[in-house]
Amino acid sequence: MGRKELLLALALLFLLGVGATAARLLEARRTGLSLRLQVFIPLAATTLLLSAMFAGIVIDRFTARASLFATRAAEDEARAIAELAARTPRDSLGPILQAFTRSAIDTDVALLDSEGRVVLESGEAHPDVARVSAEAPVATGGRVRVRKATFGMVQLMSDVAPKVALLALMFAVASAALAMLIGGAVAGPIERLTRAAERVAAGERQAPLPEPRGREVRALTHALESMRRELEERHALENFVADVSHELKNPVAAIRASAEVLTEGAADEPETARRFALRIREGADKLQQLTQDLLSLARLEARGIEPKDEPVDLCAIAREVVDAQTPTAAARHVRVELKASGSSRVRGDPVWLRRALENLVGNAVQHSPDGERVELEISGGTQCVAQVRDHGPGVDPAIRERLFERFATTRHGDGGTGLGLAIVRAVAELHGGRAELRETGPRGSVFSLSLPRA
């Protein structure tokens, strides 16, 4: 690529940048000027002005230097011709001046008398070209005037000016790119914080905030983090109150109804009294379990607990869970089987991890038909995965999308609180993992808890 093509390409690139900036400015009339543009525009304008000043100064200095060289050359030639004229008869001087002019095509020479009139002249040399002139006295009287056309200066400027313009344009383009990078460095952290705040506002309460860089951005990040935690705690409290008021209605109503029956005379019949007393006890147990699960879930979601961070063998916890669930499963004629392969070491809180596995296995046992089995498989790979498979009728399609939310009950009448899977999800998120329904159908369902390996 030649110099002209490069100059044209850079000029086109610069014009495209100017056009893009103008479009942004027009858009900013409606939406406001972004911080990125607030930094970019002054820096780009300053560097553009400096580039133009640099090009102008350089070209002006070259012009002045070329003119000075031409003037000095004319002075030297005028002195030399004056010395020659002093030693040469006037009649022989004309041919000498003509010969000199032919040898120096950019020069014309004139011999002036003491009053400034032209006595001899070699001819007008290129009257349409800028010239410099110099005069020298002749010892025998009069003066010699030498005028030089600035061909050399024009040639020099035709060579130098494009180079200077190219350098100035390259500097302007590079400076504009640097201004864009600086604008991005200044505005980037703010924009990332804004996107994170928008995600939190949209409901992603655990959306990670970007790592802060710089004192001001760090302070803003910490302020947003504090605000997010406060919003999480408030949201968890609001949900807790709403859930409690909704879910306590049925057991409280059952207890009240049973108590009213007892007070109205059923206590005189031992068998009837025992049956209603048992209902009251079952309702109280349901209330206790519901309250405990709600408190656990609220603390998990609001990050109101500080989980331990220690190496945990998930396979060992799985064996404990299987042993604990075996009596309940045996009463329903269900077998619980454990399979393990690969590394099962994770980092986390063993108490909460056990609670999550208990909920998954207990949920599978409750929804398994008599004589079936529940399979708990622990596998290690890029992540440690606990997978629970049952052989029940599957999950209702209407409930799949919100299966891990509060009180999203897969089947009714099983005596559960509807909070078990929500607690599993919260424990998974607390440990940087994920809980999900991998598959479901008429032949059973598969739930999984994926955790980062230690």
Protein backbone atom coordinates (compact mmCIF):
# COMPACT_ATOMS: atom_id res chain seq x y z
CA MET A 1 0.00 0.00 0.00
CA GLY A 2 1.40 3.37 -1.08
CA ARG A 3 1.55 6.54 0.95
CA LYS A 4 -1.52 8.03 -0.74
CA GLU A 5 -3.59 4.88 -0.21
CA LEU A 6 -2.58 4.75 3.45
CA LEU A 7 -3.41 8.42 3.88
CA LEU A 8 -6.80 7.85 2.25
CA ALA A 9 -7.54 4.80 4.42
CA LEU A 10 -6.65 6.65 7.61
CA ALA A 11 -8.73 9.64 6.55
CA LEU A 12 -11.68 7.34 5.85
CA LEU A 13 -11.24 5.66 9.22
CA PHE A 14 -11.11 9.04 10.92
CA LEU A 15 -14.25 10.21 9.12
CA LEU A 16 -16.05 7.03 10.13
CA GLY A 17 -15.10 7.72 13.74
CA VAL A 18 -16.37 11.28 13.45
CA GLY A 19 -19.62 10.00 11.94
CA ALA A 20 -20.10 7.44 14.69
CA THR A 21 -19.45 10.08 17.34
CA ALA A 22 -21.94 12.43 15.67
CA ALA A 23 -24.56 9.66 15.66
CA ARG A 24 -23.94 9.04 19.35
CA LEU A 25 -24.31 12.74 20.07
CA LEU A 26 -27.64 12.84 18.22
CA GLU A 27 -28.83 9.87 20.23
CA ALA A 28 -27.57 11.53 23.41
CA ARG A 29 -30.01 14.37 22.84
CA ARG A 30 -32.73 11.93 23.82
CA THR A 31 -31.02 9.58 26.25
CA GLY A 32 -28.28 11.75 27.73
CA LEU A 33 -24.54 11.65 27.12
CA SER A 34 -22.86 8.50 28.41
CA LEU A 35 -19.83 8.68 30.66
CA ARG A 36 -17.81 6.93 27.95
CA LEU A 37 -18.57 9.74 25.49
CA GLN A 38 -18.03 12.40 28.15
CA VAL A 39 -14.45 11.14 28.46
CA PHE A 40 -13.90 10.33 24.78
CA ILE A 41 -15.09 13.56 23.15
CA PRO A 42 -12.86 16.05 25.07
CA LEU A 43 -9.81 13.80 24.73
CA ALA A 44 -10.40 13.17 21.02
CA ALA A 45 -11.05 16.86 20.32
CA THR A 46 -7.92 17.87 22.22
CA THR A 47 -5.71 15.38 20.39
CA LEU A 48 -7.23 16.39 17.03
CA LEU A 49 -6.46 20.05 17.75
CA LEU A 50 -2.92 19.18 18.84
CA SER A 51 -2.43 17.10 15.68
CA ALA A 52 -3.55 19.98 13.46
CA MET A 53 -1.31 22.41 15.35
CA PHE A 54 1.61 20.00 15.04
CA ALA A 55 1.10 19.62 11.28
CA GLY A 56 0.77 23.39 10.81
CA ILE A 57 3.89 24.16 12.83
CA VAL A 58 5.98 21.54 11.04
CA ILE A 59 4.87 22.69 7.56
CA ASP A 60 5.44 26.33 8.50
CA ARG A 61 8.94 25.59 9.77
CA PHE A 62 9.79 23.64 6.62
CA THR A 63 8.49 26.51 4.48
CA ALA A 64 10.51 29.06 6.42
CA ARG A 65 13.64 26.90 6.24
CA ALA A 66 13.25 26.35 2.47
CA SER A 67 12.70 30.07 1.88
CA LEU A 68 15.79 30.88 3.94
CA PHE A 69 17.92 28.46 1.92
CA ALA A 70 16.65 29.96 -1.37
CA THR A 71 17.37 33.52 -0.14
CA ARG A 72 20.91 32.63 0.92
CA ALA A 73 21.54 30.97 -2.44
CA ALA A 74 20.30 34.12 -4.23
CA GLU A 75 22.57 36.31 -2.08
CA ASP A 76 25.60 34.13 -2.82
CA GLU A 77 24.87 34.20 -6.55
CA ALA A 78 24.31 37.99 -6.51
CA ARG A 79 27.71 38.59 -4.86
CA ALA A 80 29.43 36.25 -7.31
CA ILE A 81 27.86 37.96 -10.35
CA ALA A 82 28.64 41.43 -8.89
CA GLU A 83 32.32 40.50 -8.62
CA LEU A 84 32.21 39.16 -12.18
CA ALA A 85 30.49 42.33 -13.44
CA ALA A 86 33.15 44.53 -11.85
CA ARG A 87 35.88 42.76 -13.87
CA THR A 88 33.98 42.38 -17.15
CA PRO A 89 33.31 45.07 -19.79
CA ARG A 90 29.69 46.11 -20.00
CA ASP A 91 29.39 44.95 -23.65
CA SER A 92 30.48 41.40 -22.78
CA LEU A 93 28.31 41.10 -19.68
CA GLY A 94 25.00 40.38 -21.48
CA PRO A 95 26.02 37.01 -23.00
CA ILE A 96 27.52 35.97 -19.63
CA LEU A 97 24.25 36.70 -17.81
CA GLN A 98 22.29 34.78 -20.48
CA ALA A 99 24.61 31.80 -20.13
CA PHE A 100 24.26 31.87 -16.35
CA THR A 101 20.49 31.97 -16.59
CA ARG A 102 20.44 28.98 -18.93
CA SER A 103 22.59 27.00 -16.49
CA ALA A 104 20.30 27.91 -13.58
CA ILE A 105 16.80 27.56 -15.00
CA ASP A 106 15.11 28.80 -11.82
CA THR A 107 17.09 32.08 -11.77
CA ASP A 108 16.95 35.40 -13.60
CA VAL A 109 19.60 38.13 -13.25
CA ALA A 110 19.36 41.89 -13.81
CA LEU A 111 22.02 44.62 -13.76
CA LEU A 112 20.75 47.90 -12.29
CA ASP A 113 22.33 51.35 -12.51
CA SER A 114 22.84 53.63 -9.55
CA GLU A 115 19.26 54.92 -9.87
CA GLY A 116 17.71 51.45 -9.94
CA ARG A 117 16.95 51.26 -13.65
CA VAL A 118 17.47 47.95 -15.40
CA VAL A 119 20.50 48.10 -17.68
CA LEU A 120 20.80 44.41 -18.57
CA GLU A 121 18.42 41.55 -17.86
CA SER A 122 18.71 37.85 -18.55
CA GLY A 123 14.92 37.40 -18.96
CA GLU A 124 11.84 36.83 -16.79
CA ALA A 125 11.92 33.39 -15.25
CA HIS A 126 8.50 31.86 -14.56
CA PRO A 127 6.53 34.92 -13.47
CA ASP A 128 3.70 32.70 -12.13
CA VAL A 129 5.93 31.05 -9.52
CA ALA A 130 6.77 32.53 -6.13
CA ARG A 131 10.33 33.89 -5.99
CA VAL A 132 12.88 35.24 -3.57
CA SER A 133 15.37 37.94 -4.54
CA ALA A 134 18.70 39.33 -3.39
CA GLU A 135 20.91 42.24 -4.48
CA ALA A 136 24.64 42.92 -4.31
CA PRO A 137 26.56 46.15 -5.16
CA VAL A 138 28.95 46.24 -8.11
CA ALA A 139 32.31 47.85 -7.35
CA THR A 140 32.22 49.89 -10.60
CA GLY A 141 28.71 51.17 -9.85
CA GLY A 142 25.18 49.87 -9.85
CA ARG A 143 23.80 46.65 -8.38
CA VAL A 144 23.13 43.06 -9.39
CA ARG A 145 19.68 41.61 -8.60
CA VAL A 146 19.14 37.87 -8.55
CA ARG A 147 15.65 36.41 -8.35
CA LYS A 148 15.18 32.66 -7.82
CA ALA A 149 11.95 30.80 -8.50
CA THR A 150 11.02 28.56 -5.56
CA PHE A 151 10.86 25.33 -7.53
CA GLY A 152 12.95 23.60 -4.92
CA MET A 153 10.75 24.84 -2.11
CA VAL A 154 7.61 23.74 -3.94
CA GLN A 155 9.15 20.34 -4.61
CA LEU A 156 10.21 20.04 -0.98
CA MET A 157 6.74 20.92 0.28
CA SER A 158 5.10 18.49 -2.14
CA ASP A 159 7.25 15.77 -0.58
CA VAL A 160 7.05 16.87 3.04
CA ALA A 161 3.42 18.01 3.39
CA PRO A 162 1.79 14.59 2.72
CA LYS A 163 4.21 12.92 5.12
CA VAL A 164 3.46 15.45 7.82
CA ALA A 165 -0.27 15.13 7.18
CA LEU A 166 0.01 11.34 7.33
CA LEU A 167 1.87 11.49 10.64
CA ALA A 168 -0.65 13.96 12.05
CA LEU A 169 -3.58 11.81 10.93
CA MET A 170 -1.98 8.65 12.32
CA PHE A 171 -1.43 10.45 15.61
CA ALA A 172 -5.06 11.65 15.61
CA VAL A 173 -6.42 8.16 14.89
CA ALA A 174 -4.17 6.56 17.53
CA SER A 175 -5.12 9.25 20.04
CA ALA A 176 -8.82 8.76 19.31
CA ALA A 177 -8.41 5.01 19.85
CA LEU A 178 -6.56 5.70 23.09
CA ALA A 179 -9.31 8.11 24.16
CA MET A 180 -11.86 5.38 23.45
CA LEU A 181 -9.88 2.91 25.57
CA ILE A 182 -9.60 5.43 28.40
CA GLY A 183 -13.33 6.13 28.17
CA GLY A 184 -14.01 2.40 28.30
CA ALA A 185 -11.68 1.96 31.28
CA VAL A 186 -13.50 4.73 33.14
CA ALA A 187 -17.06 3.81 32.15
CA GLY A 188 -16.67 0.01 31.95
CA PRO A 189 -16.84 -0.72 35.72
CA ILE A 190 -19.83 1.61 36.08
CA GLU A 191 -21.61 -0.10 33.17
CA ARG A 192 -20.92 -3.56 34.63
CA LEU A 193 -22.25 -2.43 37.99
CA THR A 194 -25.33 -1.04 36.27
CA ARG A 195 -26.00 -4.35 34.50
CA ALA A 196 -25.54 -6.25 37.76
CA ALA A 197 -27.93 -3.87 39.55
CA GLU A 198 -30.50 -4.34 36.76
CA ARG A 199 -30.24 -8.11 37.14
CA VAL A 200 -30.79 -7.80 40.89
CA ALA A 201 -33.77 -5.51 40.27
CA ALA A 202 -35.16 -8.08 37.80
CA GLY A 203 -35.17 -10.74 40.52
CA GLU A 204 -31.72 -12.37 40.27
CA ARG A 205 -30.92 -11.80 43.91
CA GLN A 206 -27.68 -13.78 43.71
CA ALA A 207 -26.37 -12.06 40.56
CA PRO A 208 -22.62 -11.56 41.17
CA LEU A 209 -21.28 -8.03 41.28
CA PRO A 210 -18.14 -7.37 39.21
CA GLU A 211 -14.80 -7.24 40.97
CA PRO A 212 -14.22 -3.59 41.92
CA ARG A 213 -11.18 -1.72 40.58
CA GLY A 214 -10.36 1.73 41.80
CA ARG A 215 -11.27 3.40 45.07
CA GLU A 216 -14.47 5.07 43.87
CA VAL A 217 -15.79 1.99 42.06
CA ARG A 218 -14.91 -0.19 45.07
CA ALA A 219 -16.92 2.09 47.35
CA LEU A 220 -19.87 1.99 44.94
CA THR A 221 -19.65 -1.81 44.68
CA HIS A 222 -19.66 -2.20 48.46
CA ALA A 223 -22.64 0.13 48.73
CA LEU A 224 -24.55 -1.89 46.12
CA GLU A 225 -23.61 -5.14 47.86
CA SER A 226 -24.90 -3.82 51.18
CA MET A 227 -28.10 -2.67 49.52
CA ARG A 228 -28.55 -6.05 47.86
CA ARG A 229 -28.13 -7.90 51.14
CA GLU A 230 -30.65 -5.65 52.80
CA LEU A 231 -33.10 -6.21 49.94
CA GLU A 232 -32.54 -9.97 50.16
CA GLU A 233 -33.23 -9.97 53.88
CA ARG A 234 -36.33 -7.83 53.43
CA HIS A 235 -37.54 -9.98 50.54
CA ALA A 236 -36.95 -13.14 52.54
CA LEU A 237 -38.83 -11.71 55.52
CA GLU A 238 -41.78 -10.65 53.35
CA ASN A 239 -41.94 -14.08 51.74
CA PHE A 240 -41.61 -15.76 55.11
CA VAL A 241 -44.52 -13.81 56.58
CA ALA A 242 -46.69 -14.38 53.50
CA ASP A 243 -45.89 -18.10 53.41
CA VAL A 244 -46.49 -18.59 57.10
CA SER A 245 -49.84 -16.82 57.00
CA HIS A 246 -50.89 -18.94 54.03
CA GLU A 247 -49.60 -22.35 55.02
CA LEU A 248 -50.59 -22.27 58.69
CA LYS A 249 -54.27 -21.91 57.85
CA ASN A 250 -54.97 -25.61 57.26
CA PRO A 251 -53.20 -27.14 60.29
CA VAL A 252 -54.51 -24.44 62.60
CA ALA A 253 -58.02 -24.96 61.27
CA ALA A 254 -57.69 -28.73 61.76
CA ILE A 255 -56.48 -28.30 65.35
CA ARG A 256 -59.29 -25.85 66.13
CA ALA A 257 -61.92 -28.13 64.63
CA SER A 258 -60.66 -31.13 66.59
CA ALA A 259 -60.53 -29.10 69.79
CA GLU A 260 -64.10 -27.88 69.26
CA VAL A 261 -65.30 -31.44 68.76
CA LEU A 262 -63.61 -32.47 72.00
CA THR A 263 -65.09 -29.58 73.95
CA GLU A 264 -68.57 -30.31 72.61
CA GLY A 265 -68.73 -33.75 74.23
CA ALA A 266 -66.53 -36.07 72.24
CA ALA A 267 -64.21 -36.31 75.23
CA ASP A 268 -66.80 -38.54 76.94
CA GLU A 269 -66.22 -41.20 74.28
CA PRO A 270 -62.66 -42.55 74.73
CA GLU A 271 -62.20 -43.82 71.19
CA THR A 272 -63.49 -40.61 69.60
CA ALA A 273 -61.46 -38.48 72.00
CA ARG A 274 -58.32 -40.47 71.20
CA ARG A 275 -58.89 -40.05 67.46
CA PHE A 276 -59.34 -36.28 67.67
CA ALA A 277 -56.42 -35.93 70.12
CA LEU A 278 -54.27 -37.77 67.57
CA ARG A 279 -55.39 -35.29 64.90
CA ILE A 280 -54.40 -32.42 67.18
CA ARG A 281 -50.99 -33.99 67.71
CA GLU A 282 -50.50 -34.54 63.98
CA GLY A 283 -51.48 -30.93 63.32
CA ALA A 284 -49.03 -29.71 65.96
CA ASP A 285 -46.26 -31.85 64.45
CA LYS A 286 -47.10 -30.45 61.02
CA LEU A 287 -46.95 -26.92 62.42
CA GLN A 288 -43.59 -27.61 64.05
CA GLN A 289 -42.09 -29.12 60.89
CA LEU A 290 -43.49 -26.34 58.74
CA THR A 291 -42.11 -23.65 61.03
CA GLN A 292 -38.67 -25.27 61.13
CA ASP A 293 -38.53 -25.62 57.35
CA LEU A 294 -39.67 -22.05 56.80
CA LEU A 295 -37.06 -20.73 59.21
CA SER A 296 -34.32 -22.80 57.56
CA LEU A 297 -35.31 -21.69 54.08
CA ALA A 298 -35.59 -18.03 55.08
CA ARG A 299 -32.12 -18.11 56.66
CA LEU A 300 -30.63 -19.82 53.62
CA GLU A 301 -32.16 -17.44 51.08
CA ALA A 302 -31.30 -14.34 53.11
CA ARG A 303 -27.76 -15.62 53.71
CA GLY A 304 -28.51 -15.35 57.41
CA ILE A 305 -26.15 -18.24 58.13
CA GLU A 306 -22.42 -18.59 57.78
CA PRO A 307 -21.87 -22.11 56.44
CA LYS A 308 -18.71 -23.98 57.26
CA ASP A 309 -16.13 -24.26 54.52
CA GLU A 310 -14.34 -27.55 55.07
CA PRO A 311 -13.54 -30.68 53.06
CA VAL A 312 -16.56 -32.99 52.99
CA ASP A 313 -16.84 -36.57 51.73
CA LEU A 314 -20.24 -36.52 50.05
CA CYS A 315 -20.23 -40.31 49.78
CA ALA A 316 -19.90 -40.66 53.56
CA ILE A 317 -22.80 -38.26 54.07
CA ALA A 318 -24.84 -40.24 51.52
CA ARG A 319 -24.26 -43.47 53.51
CA GLU A 320 -25.51 -41.74 56.67
CA VAL A 321 -28.60 -40.50 54.82
CA VAL A 322 -29.35 -43.97 53.43
CA ASP A 323 -29.03 -45.51 56.91
CA ALA A 324 -31.33 -42.85 58.36
CA GLN A 325 -33.97 -43.28 55.62
CA THR A 326 -33.96 -47.08 55.63
CA PRO A 327 -36.56 -47.54 58.44
CA THR A 328 -39.00 -45.10 56.82
CA ALA A 329 -38.45 -46.70 53.43
CA ALA A 330 -38.88 -50.22 54.84
CA ALA A 331 -42.25 -49.22 56.31
CA ARG A 332 -43.33 -48.38 52.75
CA HIS A 333 -41.66 -51.54 51.35
CA VAL A 334 -39.17 -49.38 49.43
CA ARG A 335 -35.45 -50.16 49.11
CA VAL A 336 -32.82 -47.38 49.16
CA GLU A 337 -29.63 -48.24 47.25
CA LEU A 338 -26.35 -46.31 47.17
CA LYS A 339 -23.85 -46.30 44.29
CA ALA A 340 -20.60 -44.35 44.30
CA SER A 341 -17.89 -43.76 41.67
CA GLY A 342 -15.11 -41.23 41.30
CA SER A 343 -14.02 -38.57 43.75
CA SER A 344 -16.79 -37.32 46.05
CA ARG A 345 -14.91 -34.67 48.02
CA VAL A 346 -16.39 -31.18 48.07
CA ARG A 347 -16.00 -28.11 50.26
CA GLY A 348 -18.95 -26.96 52.30
CA ASP A 349 -21.07 -27.38 55.40
CA PRO A 350 -21.72 -31.08 56.16
CA VAL A 351 -24.89 -30.29 58.15
CA TRP A 352 -26.61 -28.45 55.29
CA LEU A 353 -25.34 -30.89 52.66
CA ARG A 354 -26.82 -33.75 54.67
CA ARG A 355 -30.09 -31.84 54.94
CA ALA A 356 -30.21 -31.46 51.15
CA LEU A 357 -29.57 -35.17 50.53
CA GLU A 358 -32.14 -36.12 53.18
CA ASN A 359 -34.75 -34.01 51.44
CA LEU A 360 -33.98 -35.51 48.02
CA VAL A 361 -34.01 -39.12 49.26
CA GLY A 362 -37.02 -38.54 51.53
CA ASN A 363 -38.95 -36.98 48.66
CA ALA A 364 -38.16 -40.00 46.45
CA VAL A 365 -39.19 -42.47 49.17
CA GLN A 366 -42.50 -40.69 49.78
CA HIS A 367 -43.43 -40.81 46.11
CA SER A 368 -42.29 -44.36 45.34
CA PRO A 369 -44.87 -47.15 45.05
CA ASP A 370 -44.61 -50.17 47.35
CA GLY A 371 -41.98 -52.66 46.34
CA GLU A 372 -39.96 -50.18 44.27
CA ARG A 373 -36.48 -48.86 44.96
CA VAL A 374 -34.79 -45.47 45.27
CA GLU A 375 -31.28 -45.14 43.85
CA LEU A 376 -28.82 -42.61 45.24
CA GLU A 377 -25.73 -42.33 43.06
CA ILE A 378 -22.65 -40.22 43.89
CA SER A 379 -20.32 -39.59 40.94
CA GLY A 380 -17.24 -37.42 40.48
CA GLY A 381 -16.07 -35.63 37.37
CA THR A 382 -15.66 -31.97 36.68
CA GLN A 383 -18.27 -31.66 39.45
CA CYS A 384 -19.45 -33.92 42.23
CA VAL A 385 -23.03 -34.99 41.49
CA ALA A 386 -25.56 -36.61 43.81
CA GLN A 387 -28.34 -38.13 41.71
CA VAL A 388 -31.56 -39.58 43.16
CA ARG A 389 -33.81 -41.77 40.99
CA ASP A 390 -37.27 -42.98 41.97
CA HIS A 391 -39.71 -45.20 40.08
CA GLY A 392 -42.89 -43.30 40.78
CA PRO A 393 -45.45 -41.81 38.39
CA GLY A 394 -43.34 -38.74 37.57
CA VAL A 395 -43.85 -35.03 38.14
CA ASP A 396 -46.98 -33.20 37.06
CA PRO A 397 -46.06 -31.06 33.98
CA ALA A 398 -47.97 -28.12 35.47
CA ILE A 399 -45.57 -27.96 38.41
CA ARG A 400 -42.20 -28.62 36.72
CA GLU A 401 -41.24 -24.98 36.08
CA ARG A 402 -41.63 -24.04 39.75
CA LEU A 403 -40.70 -27.36 41.29
CA PHE A 404 -37.94 -25.86 43.45
CA GLU A 405 -40.03 -22.95 44.71
CA ARG A 406 -41.79 -22.74 48.07
CA PHE A 407 -44.84 -24.99 48.49
CA ALA A 408 -44.58 -26.37 44.96
CA THR A 409 -45.99 -29.78 45.88
CA THR A 410 -45.47 -32.56 43.33
CA ARG A 411 -48.30 -34.71 44.69
CA HIS A 412 -50.95 -33.89 47.24
CA GLY A 413 -51.81 -35.72 50.43
CA ASP A 414 -48.28 -36.97 51.21
CA GLY A 415 -47.93 -35.07 54.48
CA GLY A 416 -44.98 -32.97 53.35
CA THR A 417 -44.52 -29.23 53.80
CA GLY A 418 -43.72 -28.43 50.17
CA LEU A 419 -40.41 -26.87 51.23
CA GLY A 420 -37.99 -29.78 50.85
CA LEU A 421 -36.90 -29.11 47.28
CA ALA A 422 -36.76 -25.35 47.91
CA ILE A 423 -34.29 -26.04 50.72
CA VAL A 424 -32.27 -28.30 48.38
CA ARG A 425 -32.07 -25.46 45.84
CA ALA A 426 -31.01 -22.94 48.50
CA VAL A 427 -28.30 -25.28 49.85
CA ALA A 428 -26.99 -25.85 46.33
CA GLU A 429 -26.79 -22.09 45.64
CA LEU A 430 -25.13 -21.53 49.02
CA HIS A 431 -22.35 -23.92 47.96
CA GLY A 432 -22.02 -22.59 44.40
CA GLY A 433 -23.85 -25.57 42.92
CA ARG A 434 -27.14 -26.36 41.22
CA ALA A 435 -30.22 -28.47 41.96
CA GLU A 436 -32.38 -29.65 39.08
CA LEU A 437 -34.91 -32.14 37.80
CA ARG A 438 -33.00 -34.02 35.12
CA GLU A 439 -35.77 -36.23 33.82
CA THR A 440 -39.28 -37.33 34.69
CA GLY A 441 -41.94 -39.55 33.20
CA PRO A 442 -44.32 -42.43 33.89
CA ARG A 443 -41.40 -44.63 34.96
CA GLY A 444 -39.96 -42.23 37.52
CA SER A 445 -37.96 -39.06 38.07
CA VAL A 446 -34.30 -38.15 38.48
CA PHE A 447 -33.21 -35.26 40.71
CA SER A 448 -29.61 -34.10 41.00
CA LEU A 449 -27.47 -31.94 43.24
CA SER A 450 -24.27 -30.73 41.51
CA LEU A 451 -21.46 -29.23 43.59
CA PRO A 452 -17.94 -27.97 42.78
CA ARG A 453 -15.23 -30.47 43.62
CA ALA A 454 -12.79 -29.69 46.40
